[in-house]
Amino acid sequence: MRARRRTAAALLLLGAVAYTAWVLELVVATGLDPVDAYVSELAAADQPLGGLFRATDLAAGLLVLAGAVLALSLPGRRPWATAGWGALALFGAATALDSRLPLSCAPTDDPECAARETAGLVPATHTAHAVSSSLAMLGALAALVLLTFAARRYAWWPPLGRWGPPLLLAELAATFWTLAAVAAFTTGAGTWALGLGQRLQVLLVALYVALVARCLARAGRSPGTGGRPQRRPAGESERETGGHG
C-alpha cells in the first residue's frame, strides 16, 4: 500500500509540474502578452509553440488522472475524501481533453480572431474548449474544497488542513477575477489583465495538487496523518481513521 501511495503522489507531483509549463513563456518568446492572453492561447493551433503546450497539458491531465484514480484504489477511504479524489480525477480528465480541443487562433492577440469568435465563425472546438476548461476548473475547485474538508474533518494531513483554506480563498478570488475579465473581454470592455488572473488561477491549482502529493507521500509513515499521530474519535477503529484522505 505504501508503494501505491508514493506512486500516486509522484504522479500528482509530476502532473502539477507539467501544469505549470506555461512559465516557459518567461524565457521563451511566444509572441503573446502574459498580462492579457489566455493561458490556453499558448496552445492555439496557429501558435509556433502550440504543439509543445498541448503536449504538456495532455501530460498534466493524464498524470493527475492516473494519480487520483490510484489514490481512489487505496483502502481506508471516507466519503468526503472519495468525492475529493473523484473531483481531482475529473480535473485531470478534462485537462487532458482540453489539450485535444485547442483554439484555432488567439483572440486576445488577433483582432480578426476575436471578431470571428464573436460572430461564431470559428471552429466548434472553441466552444468545446470552453466547456472542457470549465469542467477542469470545476473539478479542481471541488477537489480543493472536498479534500481540504476531509483533512480537517478526519484530522488527516495537517499541512493540507492548515494551508487548504487560504489556498481555497485565493483560488476563489483568482477565479472571480478571471471570470470578470472574460466577461469584460467578450463585451469589448478590455481584458482587465485577464492573463494575470488566469495564470494566478492555474498556478494555485498546481500548488494545491503539489501539496496533496506531498501529504499523500508522507501519509505512509503514519496512517493518514503525514507522520504525526492523531487522536481518534471515540469508537473508531484504526482502519476507519487511517485512510489516505
Protein backbone atom coordinates (compact mmCIF):
# COMPACT_ATOMS: atom_id res chain seq x y z
CA MET A 1 0.00 0.00 0.00
CA ARG A 2 2.87 2.38 0.78
CA ALA A 3 4.27 1.87 -2.72
CA ARG A 4 0.90 2.72 -4.25
CA ARG A 5 0.64 5.85 -2.12
CA ARG A 6 4.05 7.03 -3.22
CA THR A 7 3.34 6.19 -6.85
CA ALA A 8 0.10 8.17 -6.71
CA ALA A 9 1.93 11.06 -5.04
CA ALA A 10 4.67 11.01 -7.70
CA LEU A 11 2.08 11.06 -10.49
CA LEU A 12 0.28 14.01 -8.92
CA LEU A 13 3.52 15.94 -8.39
CA LEU A 14 4.61 15.38 -11.98
CA GLY A 15 1.16 16.46 -13.13
CA ALA A 16 1.44 19.67 -11.09
CA VAL A 17 4.83 20.42 -12.67
CA ALA A 18 3.52 19.78 -16.19
CA TYR A 19 0.52 22.01 -15.46
CA THR A 20 2.90 24.94 -14.90
CA ALA A 21 4.66 24.56 -18.26
CA TRP A 22 3.30 27.97 -19.24
CA VAL A 23 6.06 29.58 -17.13
CA LEU A 24 8.35 28.80 -20.08
CA GLU A 25 6.95 31.96 -21.63
CA LEU A 26 9.16 33.86 -19.18
CA VAL A 27 12.27 32.62 -21.01
CA VAL A 28 10.93 31.73 -24.47
CA ALA A 29 9.38 34.26 -26.84
CA THR A 30 5.80 33.21 -27.56
CA GLY A 31 4.52 36.41 -29.14
CA LEU A 32 1.68 36.63 -26.61
CA ASP A 33 1.33 39.11 -23.76
CA PRO A 34 1.08 37.18 -20.45
CA VAL A 35 -0.81 40.10 -18.91
CA ASP A 36 -3.70 39.85 -21.37
CA ALA A 37 -3.59 36.47 -23.14
CA TYR A 38 -5.41 33.32 -22.07
CA VAL A 39 -3.06 30.57 -20.94
CA SER A 40 -4.78 28.30 -23.48
CA GLU A 41 -3.79 30.69 -26.29
CA LEU A 42 -0.23 29.42 -25.88
CA ALA A 43 -1.53 26.08 -27.18
CA ALA A 44 -3.63 27.53 -30.01
CA ALA A 45 -3.30 25.77 -33.35
CA ASP A 46 -1.72 28.81 -35.03
CA GLN A 47 0.92 29.45 -32.37
CA PRO A 48 4.54 28.40 -33.05
CA LEU A 49 4.88 26.59 -29.72
CA GLY A 50 1.30 25.34 -29.64
CA GLY A 51 2.32 21.71 -30.03
CA LEU A 52 4.61 21.89 -27.00
CA PHE A 53 1.98 23.40 -24.73
CA ARG A 54 -0.70 20.99 -25.94
CA ALA A 55 1.65 18.11 -25.11
CA THR A 56 2.36 19.42 -21.59
CA ASP A 57 -1.37 19.95 -20.97
CA LEU A 58 -2.07 16.40 -22.09
CA ALA A 59 0.69 15.06 -19.85
CA ALA A 60 -0.56 17.09 -16.88
CA GLY A 61 -4.11 15.84 -17.29
CA LEU A 62 -3.18 12.20 -17.71
CA LEU A 63 -0.73 12.26 -14.79
CA VAL A 64 -3.24 13.83 -12.40
CA LEU A 65 -5.99 11.49 -13.61
CA ALA A 66 -3.77 8.45 -13.03
CA GLY A 67 -2.70 9.68 -9.60
CA ALA A 68 -6.27 10.38 -8.49
CA VAL A 69 -7.54 7.02 -9.74
CA LEU A 70 -4.68 5.22 -7.97
CA ALA A 71 -5.48 7.13 -4.77
CA LEU A 72 -9.09 6.01 -5.09
CA SER A 73 -7.89 2.39 -5.05
CA LEU A 74 -6.24 2.73 -1.65
CA PRO A 75 -8.04 1.32 1.42
CA GLY A 76 -9.48 3.32 4.28
CA ARG A 77 -11.41 5.91 2.30
CA ARG A 78 -14.14 8.14 3.69
CA PRO A 79 -16.99 9.69 1.65
CA TRP A 80 -15.59 13.24 1.59
CA ALA A 81 -12.15 12.02 0.56
CA THR A 82 -13.60 9.71 -2.11
CA ALA A 83 -15.57 12.61 -3.57
CA GLY A 84 -12.43 14.76 -3.50
CA TRP A 85 -10.35 12.21 -5.39
CA GLY A 86 -13.19 11.84 -7.88
CA ALA A 87 -13.22 15.61 -8.42
CA LEU A 88 -9.45 15.60 -8.92
CA ALA A 89 -9.84 12.80 -11.47
CA LEU A 90 -12.42 14.97 -13.28
CA PHE A 91 -9.91 17.82 -13.34
CA GLY A 92 -7.28 15.54 -14.86
CA ALA A 93 -9.60 14.05 -17.46
CA ALA A 94 -10.98 17.46 -18.51
CA THR A 95 -7.47 18.92 -18.73
CA ALA A 96 -6.35 16.08 -20.99
CA LEU A 97 -9.45 16.55 -23.15
CA ASP A 98 -8.84 20.31 -23.21
CA SER A 99 -5.45 19.72 -24.82
CA ARG A 100 -7.14 17.86 -27.69
CA LEU A 101 -9.55 20.76 -28.31
CA PRO A 102 -7.22 23.72 -28.92
CA LEU A 103 -8.26 27.17 -30.01
CA SER A 104 -7.68 27.78 -33.70
CA CYS A 105 -6.27 31.26 -33.04
CA ALA A 106 -5.50 33.69 -30.22
CA PRO A 107 -8.44 36.10 -29.76
CA THR A 108 -6.74 38.46 -27.27
CA ASP A 109 -3.79 38.92 -29.64
CA ASP A 110 -5.56 38.82 -33.02
CA PRO A 111 -8.50 41.22 -33.53
CA GLU A 112 -9.67 39.25 -36.55
CA CYS A 113 -9.77 36.08 -34.47
CA ALA A 114 -11.74 37.88 -31.78
CA ALA A 115 -14.21 39.21 -34.37
CA ARG A 116 -14.68 35.73 -35.86
CA GLU A 117 -15.20 34.29 -32.40
CA THR A 118 -17.82 36.92 -31.56
CA ALA A 119 -19.58 36.24 -34.87
CA GLY A 120 -19.49 32.48 -34.30
CA LEU A 121 -17.26 31.90 -37.33
CA VAL A 122 -14.53 29.96 -35.53
CA PRO A 123 -14.37 26.15 -35.40
CA ALA A 124 -16.61 24.33 -32.91
CA THR A 125 -13.50 23.45 -30.93
CA HIS A 126 -13.62 26.96 -29.42
CA THR A 127 -16.93 26.17 -27.72
CA ALA A 128 -15.82 22.65 -26.81
CA HIS A 129 -12.61 24.08 -25.38
CA ALA A 130 -14.56 26.50 -23.21
CA VAL A 131 -16.69 23.63 -21.87
CA SER A 132 -13.71 21.34 -21.12
CA SER A 133 -11.80 24.21 -19.48
CA SER A 134 -14.80 24.99 -17.28
CA LEU A 135 -15.12 21.33 -16.29
CA ALA A 136 -11.42 21.20 -15.43
CA MET A 137 -11.61 24.24 -13.16
CA LEU A 138 -14.85 23.00 -11.60
CA GLY A 139 -13.14 19.70 -10.79
CA ALA A 140 -10.11 21.49 -9.35
CA LEU A 141 -12.23 23.73 -7.13
CA ALA A 142 -14.36 20.82 -5.94
CA ALA A 143 -11.25 18.75 -5.15
CA LEU A 144 -9.75 21.64 -3.20
CA VAL A 145 -12.90 22.02 -1.12
CA LEU A 146 -13.57 18.31 -0.57
CA LEU A 147 -10.03 17.12 0.21
CA THR A 148 -9.40 20.09 2.49
CA PHE A 149 -12.65 19.41 4.32
CA ALA A 150 -11.70 15.72 4.64
CA ALA A 151 -8.27 16.64 6.03
CA ARG A 152 -9.82 18.87 8.69
CA ARG A 153 -12.87 16.70 9.41
CA TYR A 154 -10.91 13.48 9.95
CA ALA A 155 -7.75 15.08 11.44
CA TRP A 156 -5.67 13.91 8.47
CA TRP A 157 -2.81 15.67 6.74
CA PRO A 158 -2.09 18.74 8.95
CA PRO A 159 -0.39 20.69 6.10
CA LEU A 160 -3.49 20.40 3.91
CA GLY A 161 -5.78 21.26 6.81
CA ARG A 162 -3.65 24.33 7.53
CA TRP A 163 -2.99 25.62 4.01
CA GLY A 164 -6.09 24.38 2.24
CA PRO A 165 -8.45 27.16 3.41
CA PRO A 166 -6.19 30.09 2.42
CA LEU A 167 -5.45 28.39 -0.90
CA LEU A 168 -9.18 27.99 -1.45
CA LEU A 169 -9.86 31.66 -0.72
CA ALA A 170 -7.06 32.73 -3.05
CA GLU A 171 -8.32 30.36 -5.76
CA LEU A 172 -11.86 31.72 -5.48
CA ALA A 173 -10.54 35.29 -5.76
CA ALA A 174 -8.44 34.40 -8.83
CA THR A 175 -11.42 32.61 -10.39
CA PHE A 176 -13.68 35.63 -9.81
CA TRP A 177 -11.01 37.89 -11.36
CA THR A 178 -10.72 35.58 -14.38
CA LEU A 179 -14.47 35.31 -14.93
CA ALA A 180 -14.93 39.08 -14.64
CA ALA A 181 -12.07 39.67 -17.07
CA VAL A 182 -13.50 37.16 -19.57
CA ALA A 183 -16.88 38.91 -19.36
CA ALA A 184 -15.22 42.29 -19.92
CA PHE A 185 -13.26 41.00 -22.91
CA THR A 186 -16.25 39.40 -24.59
CA THR A 187 -18.22 42.65 -24.28
CA GLY A 188 -15.38 44.75 -25.67
CA ALA A 189 -14.53 46.41 -22.35
CA GLY A 190 -10.86 45.43 -22.36
CA THR A 191 -9.02 42.46 -20.91
CA TRP A 192 -8.78 43.56 -17.24
CA ALA A 193 -5.40 41.78 -17.04
CA LEU A 194 -7.12 38.53 -17.96
CA GLY A 195 -3.81 36.75 -18.45
CA LEU A 196 -2.53 37.55 -14.97
CA GLY A 197 -5.77 36.46 -13.33
CA GLN A 198 -5.87 33.16 -15.17
CA ARG A 199 -2.19 32.47 -14.59
CA LEU A 200 -2.68 33.02 -10.88
CA GLN A 201 -5.69 30.69 -11.03
CA VAL A 202 -3.82 27.80 -12.66
CA LEU A 203 -0.69 28.38 -10.53
CA LEU A 204 -2.74 28.00 -7.35
CA VAL A 205 -4.26 24.77 -8.69
CA ALA A 206 -0.77 23.41 -9.38
CA LEU A 207 0.39 24.38 -5.88
CA TYR A 208 -2.63 22.65 -4.39
CA VAL A 209 -2.03 19.44 -6.34
CA ALA A 210 1.63 19.51 -5.26
CA LEU A 211 0.55 19.96 -1.62
CA VAL A 212 -1.81 17.00 -1.88
CA ALA A 213 1.01 14.94 -3.42
CA ARG A 214 3.31 15.81 -0.51
CA CYS A 215 0.68 14.85 2.05
CA LEU A 216 -0.08 11.60 0.26
CA ALA A 217 3.59 10.64 0.08
CA ARG A 218 4.14 11.29 3.79
CA ALA A 219 0.93 9.54 4.83
CA GLY A 220 2.65 6.17 4.52
CA ARG A 221 4.74 6.95 7.62
CA SER A 222 1.65 7.04 9.82
CA PRO A 223 -1.86 6.32 8.57
CA GLY A 224 -3.45 9.43 7.14
CA THR A 225 -1.53 11.91 9.30
CA GLY A 226 1.65 12.74 7.43
CA GLY A 227 3.78 11.11 10.08
CA ARG A 228 2.12 12.64 13.15
CA PRO A 229 -0.19 10.57 15.33
CA GLN A 230 -3.71 11.95 15.68
CA ARG A 231 -6.22 11.25 18.44
CA ARG A 232 -9.06 9.10 17.13
CA PRO A 233 -12.68 9.88 17.86
CA ALA A 234 -14.14 7.50 20.42
CA GLY A 235 -15.34 4.23 19.00
CA GLU A 236 -13.47 4.46 15.68
CA SER A 237 -11.01 1.78 14.67
CA GLU A 238 -7.54 2.40 13.26
CA ARG A 239 -8.70 1.28 9.85
CA GLU A 240 -11.56 3.79 9.90
CA THR A 241 -9.27 6.72 10.65
CA GLY A 242 -6.16 5.57 8.83
CA GLY A 243 -7.07 6.14 5.18
CA HIS A 244 -5.16 8.22 2.74
CA GLY A 245 -7.62 11.08 2.94
